[in-house]
Each structure stands twice: as C-alpha cells, then as structure tokens.
Amino acid sequence: MTGKEFIQYDPLTEVKLKRHIWLTEKQAAEYLNVSPSMLAKNRCYKRGVELIPFVKMSGRCIRYSRLQLDTWLETQLQAFNEVQEK
C-alpha cells in the first residue's frame, strides 16, 4: 500500500479511533489478493453477505474502505468456520 496512514485519537479518552482508509479498486484487489475483475464481478452479481462493501463515488470512481474490508473478511471467516464445524 502506498500513502501514509494517520492515527487519530479521541481527545478526551486518548483512545485510538478507527478511521476509514479508502482504497482504489486496484489497491483493494491487492489487499484481498484477488483480481480487479473479480471485484467488478462481485459488485455486479453478488448480494447480501457475499457482496464486498464498496462506495460508488461517480460512474467510474469506486472506492473500498479498508475497515469495511477487514470486517467483511472476518464475517466470511466466521461463516467458513461454522460450515467446517458441522
């Protein structure tokens, strides 16, 4: 990943705040270790929990929040583990 990450703290509690870091489609694909075309197909055909969260800022401008990607990955991992336990 390129770019600097800034850590933001709550001034009253001095607790680190979770902050959205926005990734391009290419960066998100690298982060998830998939192809950009897989992300495009996911946006077109998947629904519900299978849909990887994204934001469409304009016709061609798609962004992915790294925080939401991490949450989605955790959900997928939990669902996979539940299936494996059965």
N, C-alpha and C. Protein backbone atom coordinates (compact mmCIF):
# COMPACT_ATOMS: atom_id res chain seq x y z
N MET A 1 0.84 -1.18 0.00
CA MET A 1 0.00 0.00 0.00
C MET A 1 0.88 1.24 0.00
N THR A 2 0.43 2.21 -0.72
CA THR A 2 1.15 3.47 -0.71
C THR A 2 0.37 4.48 0.09
N GLY A 3 1.00 5.54 0.44
CA GLY A 3 0.33 6.57 1.22
C GLY A 3 0.57 6.39 2.69
N LYS A 4 0.42 7.47 3.41
CA LYS A 4 0.64 7.43 4.85
C LYS A 4 -0.68 7.22 5.57
N GLU A 5 -0.58 6.49 6.66
CA GLU A 5 -1.76 6.28 7.50
C GLU A 5 -1.63 7.20 8.71
N PHE A 6 -2.69 7.91 8.99
CA PHE A 6 -2.69 8.82 10.12
C PHE A 6 -3.49 8.21 11.26
N ILE A 7 -2.92 8.23 12.43
CA ILE A 7 -3.59 7.71 13.62
C ILE A 7 -4.30 8.87 14.28
N GLN A 8 -5.57 8.68 14.55
CA GLN A 8 -6.37 9.73 15.16
C GLN A 8 -6.82 9.25 16.53
N TYR A 9 -6.73 10.13 17.52
CA TYR A 9 -7.10 9.80 18.89
C TYR A 9 -8.25 10.68 19.35
N ASP A 10 -9.11 10.10 20.19
CA ASP A 10 -10.17 10.87 20.84
C ASP A 10 -9.49 11.79 21.85
N PRO A 11 -9.71 13.08 21.77
CA PRO A 11 -9.01 14.00 22.67
C PRO A 11 -9.36 13.82 24.15
N LEU A 12 -10.56 13.30 24.44
CA LEU A 12 -10.96 13.14 25.84
C LEU A 12 -10.44 11.84 26.45
N THR A 13 -10.54 10.75 25.70
CA THR A 13 -10.16 9.45 26.25
C THR A 13 -8.79 8.97 25.79
N GLU A 14 -8.23 9.65 24.79
CA GLU A 14 -6.94 9.28 24.20
C GLU A 14 -6.95 7.85 23.65
N VAL A 15 -8.14 7.40 23.21
CA VAL A 15 -8.29 6.08 22.62
C VAL A 15 -8.14 6.23 21.11
N LYS A 16 -7.43 5.30 20.51
CA LYS A 16 -7.25 5.32 19.06
C LYS A 16 -8.59 5.13 18.37
N LEU A 17 -8.91 5.99 17.41
CA LEU A 17 -10.17 5.91 16.68
C LEU A 17 -9.97 5.09 15.41
N LYS A 18 -10.97 4.28 15.09
CA LYS A 18 -10.94 3.56 13.83
C LYS A 18 -11.29 4.55 12.73
N ARG A 19 -10.49 4.55 11.70
CA ARG A 19 -10.67 5.53 10.64
C ARG A 19 -10.70 4.81 9.29
N HIS A 20 -11.56 5.26 8.43
CA HIS A 20 -11.63 4.68 7.09
C HIS A 20 -10.42 5.12 6.28
N ILE A 21 -9.76 4.14 5.69
CA ILE A 21 -8.71 4.41 4.72
C ILE A 21 -9.27 3.91 3.40
N TRP A 22 -9.41 4.81 2.45
CA TRP A 22 -10.08 4.47 1.20
C TRP A 22 -9.08 3.95 0.18
N LEU A 23 -9.42 2.82 -0.44
CA LEU A 23 -8.57 2.16 -1.41
C LEU A 23 -9.22 2.20 -2.79
N THR A 24 -8.40 2.31 -3.82
CA THR A 24 -8.90 2.18 -5.18
C THR A 24 -9.22 0.71 -5.44
N GLU A 25 -9.83 0.43 -6.57
CA GLU A 25 -10.15 -0.96 -6.91
C GLU A 25 -8.87 -1.79 -6.99
N LYS A 26 -7.84 -1.24 -7.60
CA LYS A 26 -6.57 -1.96 -7.73
C LYS A 26 -5.94 -2.22 -6.36
N GLN A 27 -5.95 -1.22 -5.49
CA GLN A 27 -5.39 -1.39 -4.15
C GLN A 27 -6.18 -2.42 -3.34
N ALA A 28 -7.51 -2.36 -3.46
CA ALA A 28 -8.37 -3.31 -2.74
C ALA A 28 -8.12 -4.73 -3.25
N ALA A 29 -7.95 -4.88 -4.55
CA ALA A 29 -7.67 -6.20 -5.12
C ALA A 29 -6.35 -6.73 -4.59
N GLU A 30 -5.34 -5.89 -4.52
CA GLU A 30 -4.04 -6.30 -3.97
C GLU A 30 -4.19 -6.68 -2.50
N TYR A 31 -4.94 -5.90 -1.75
CA TYR A 31 -5.15 -6.14 -0.32
C TYR A 31 -5.84 -7.48 -0.08
N LEU A 32 -6.83 -7.81 -0.92
CA LEU A 32 -7.58 -9.06 -0.78
C LEU A 32 -6.94 -10.22 -1.54
N ASN A 33 -5.91 -9.91 -2.30
CA ASN A 33 -5.22 -10.92 -3.11
C ASN A 33 -6.15 -11.55 -4.15
N VAL A 34 -6.90 -10.69 -4.83
CA VAL A 34 -7.79 -11.10 -5.91
C VAL A 34 -7.55 -10.16 -7.09
N SER A 35 -8.16 -10.45 -8.23
CA SER A 35 -8.02 -9.57 -9.39
C SER A 35 -9.04 -8.44 -9.33
N PRO A 36 -8.73 -7.30 -9.96
CA PRO A 36 -9.73 -6.22 -10.04
C PRO A 36 -11.01 -6.67 -10.74
N SER A 37 -10.89 -7.58 -11.72
CA SER A 37 -12.10 -8.05 -12.41
C SER A 37 -12.99 -8.88 -11.48
N MET A 38 -12.38 -9.57 -10.51
CA MET A 38 -13.19 -10.31 -9.53
C MET A 38 -14.01 -9.33 -8.69
N LEU A 39 -13.41 -8.20 -8.33
CA LEU A 39 -14.15 -7.19 -7.56
C LEU A 39 -15.29 -6.62 -8.40
N ALA A 40 -15.04 -6.39 -9.69
CA ALA A 40 -16.09 -5.87 -10.57
C ALA A 40 -17.24 -6.87 -10.70
N LYS A 41 -16.92 -8.14 -10.84
CA LYS A 41 -17.96 -9.17 -10.92
C LYS A 41 -18.73 -9.27 -9.62
N ASN A 42 -18.03 -9.12 -8.51
CA ASN A 42 -18.69 -9.16 -7.20
C ASN A 42 -19.69 -8.03 -7.08
N ARG A 43 -19.31 -6.83 -7.54
CA ARG A 43 -20.23 -5.69 -7.48
C ARG A 43 -21.47 -5.93 -8.32
N CYS A 44 -21.32 -6.59 -9.46
CA CYS A 44 -22.45 -6.80 -10.39
C CYS A 44 -23.38 -7.92 -9.97
N TYR A 45 -22.81 -9.02 -9.46
CA TYR A 45 -23.60 -10.24 -9.31
C TYR A 45 -23.89 -10.68 -7.88
N LYS A 46 -23.13 -10.24 -6.91
CA LYS A 46 -23.32 -10.73 -5.54
C LYS A 46 -24.28 -9.83 -4.77
N ARG A 47 -24.94 -10.43 -3.80
CA ARG A 47 -25.87 -9.71 -2.93
C ARG A 47 -25.70 -10.21 -1.51
N GLY A 48 -26.20 -9.45 -0.56
CA GLY A 48 -26.16 -9.87 0.85
C GLY A 48 -24.75 -9.93 1.41
N VAL A 49 -24.49 -10.95 2.22
CA VAL A 49 -23.20 -11.05 2.91
C VAL A 49 -22.06 -11.39 1.95
N GLU A 50 -22.36 -11.89 0.75
CA GLU A 50 -21.31 -12.19 -0.22
C GLU A 50 -20.77 -10.93 -0.90
N LEU A 51 -21.54 -9.85 -0.87
CA LEU A 51 -21.14 -8.61 -1.53
C LEU A 51 -20.02 -7.94 -0.74
N ILE A 52 -18.91 -7.68 -1.42
CA ILE A 52 -17.80 -6.95 -0.80
C ILE A 52 -18.21 -5.48 -0.75
N PRO A 53 -18.19 -4.84 0.44
CA PRO A 53 -18.67 -3.45 0.56
C PRO A 53 -17.82 -2.47 -0.24
N PHE A 54 -18.49 -1.56 -0.93
CA PHE A 54 -17.82 -0.54 -1.74
C PHE A 54 -18.65 0.72 -1.77
N VAL A 55 -18.04 1.81 -2.23
CA VAL A 55 -18.73 3.07 -2.40
C VAL A 55 -18.51 3.52 -3.84
N LYS A 56 -19.59 3.85 -4.51
CA LYS A 56 -19.50 4.36 -5.89
C LYS A 56 -19.62 5.87 -5.82
N MET A 57 -18.50 6.54 -6.05
CA MET A 57 -18.46 8.00 -5.92
C MET A 57 -18.92 8.70 -7.19
N SER A 58 -18.74 8.04 -8.33
CA SER A 58 -19.23 8.53 -9.61
C SER A 58 -19.32 7.33 -10.54
N GLY A 59 -19.58 7.55 -11.79
CA GLY A 59 -19.74 6.46 -12.73
C GLY A 59 -18.60 5.46 -12.74
N ARG A 60 -17.38 5.96 -12.66
CA ARG A 60 -16.21 5.07 -12.73
C ARG A 60 -15.38 5.07 -11.45
N CYS A 61 -15.69 5.90 -10.52
CA CYS A 61 -14.88 6.04 -9.31
C CYS A 61 -15.44 5.14 -8.19
N ILE A 62 -14.78 4.00 -7.98
CA ILE A 62 -15.18 3.04 -6.96
C ILE A 62 -14.11 3.06 -5.87
N ARG A 63 -14.54 3.08 -4.61
CA ARG A 63 -13.59 3.04 -3.50
C ARG A 63 -14.04 1.98 -2.50
N TYR A 64 -13.05 1.41 -1.83
CA TYR A 64 -13.27 0.40 -0.81
C TYR A 64 -12.66 0.89 0.49
N SER A 65 -13.39 0.79 1.59
CA SER A 65 -12.88 1.14 2.90
C SER A 65 -12.12 -0.06 3.47
N ARG A 66 -10.88 0.16 3.87
CA ARG A 66 -10.11 -0.95 4.42
C ARG A 66 -10.74 -1.47 5.70
N LEU A 67 -11.32 -0.59 6.49
CA LEU A 67 -12.01 -1.01 7.71
C LEU A 67 -13.19 -1.92 7.37
N GLN A 68 -13.97 -1.58 6.36
CA GLN A 68 -15.09 -2.42 5.95
C GLN A 68 -14.62 -3.73 5.32
N LEU A 69 -13.51 -3.69 4.59
CA LEU A 69 -12.96 -4.93 4.02
C LEU A 69 -12.53 -5.88 5.13
N ASP A 70 -11.90 -5.35 6.17
CA ASP A 70 -11.49 -6.19 7.30
C ASP A 70 -12.70 -6.82 7.98
N THR A 71 -13.76 -6.03 8.17
CA THR A 71 -14.98 -6.53 8.80
C THR A 71 -15.62 -7.60 7.92
N TRP A 72 -15.66 -7.37 6.61
CA TRP A 72 -16.22 -8.36 5.68
C TRP A 72 -15.42 -9.65 5.72
N LEU A 73 -14.10 -9.54 5.75
CA LEU A 73 -13.26 -10.74 5.82
C LEU A 73 -13.52 -11.53 7.10
N GLU A 74 -13.66 -10.85 8.22
CA GLU A 74 -13.96 -11.53 9.49
C GLU A 74 -15.29 -12.27 9.40
N THR A 75 -16.29 -11.65 8.80
CA THR A 75 -17.61 -12.28 8.64
C THR A 75 -17.49 -13.53 7.76
N GLN A 76 -16.75 -13.43 6.68
CA GLN A 76 -16.56 -14.58 5.79
C GLN A 76 -15.83 -15.71 6.50
N LEU A 77 -14.84 -15.37 7.30
CA LEU A 77 -14.07 -16.37 8.03
C LEU A 77 -14.95 -17.08 9.06
N GLN A 78 -15.78 -16.32 9.77
CA GLN A 78 -16.69 -16.91 10.75
C GLN A 78 -17.67 -17.87 10.07
N ALA A 79 -18.22 -17.45 8.94
CA ALA A 79 -19.17 -18.30 8.21
C ALA A 79 -18.47 -19.57 7.73
N PHE A 80 -17.25 -19.45 7.26
CA PHE A 80 -16.50 -20.63 6.81
C PHE A 80 -16.24 -21.58 7.96
N ASN A 81 -15.86 -21.04 9.12
CA ASN A 81 -15.59 -21.88 10.29
C ASN A 81 -16.85 -22.59 10.77
N GLU A 82 -18.00 -21.92 10.71
CA GLU A 82 -19.26 -22.54 11.12
C GLU A 82 -19.60 -23.72 10.21
N VAL A 83 -19.36 -23.56 8.91
CA VAL A 83 -19.63 -24.64 7.96
C VAL A 83 -18.68 -25.81 8.22
N GLN A 84 -17.44 -25.53 8.52
CA GLN A 84 -16.45 -26.58 8.78
C GLN A 84 -16.76 -27.37 10.04
N GLU A 85 -17.38 -26.72 11.04
CA GLU A 85 -17.71 -27.39 12.30
C GLU A 85 -18.88 -28.35 12.16
N LYS A 86 -19.72 -28.16 11.17
CA LYS A 86 -20.91 -29.00 11.01
C LYS A 86 -20.59 -30.34 10.42
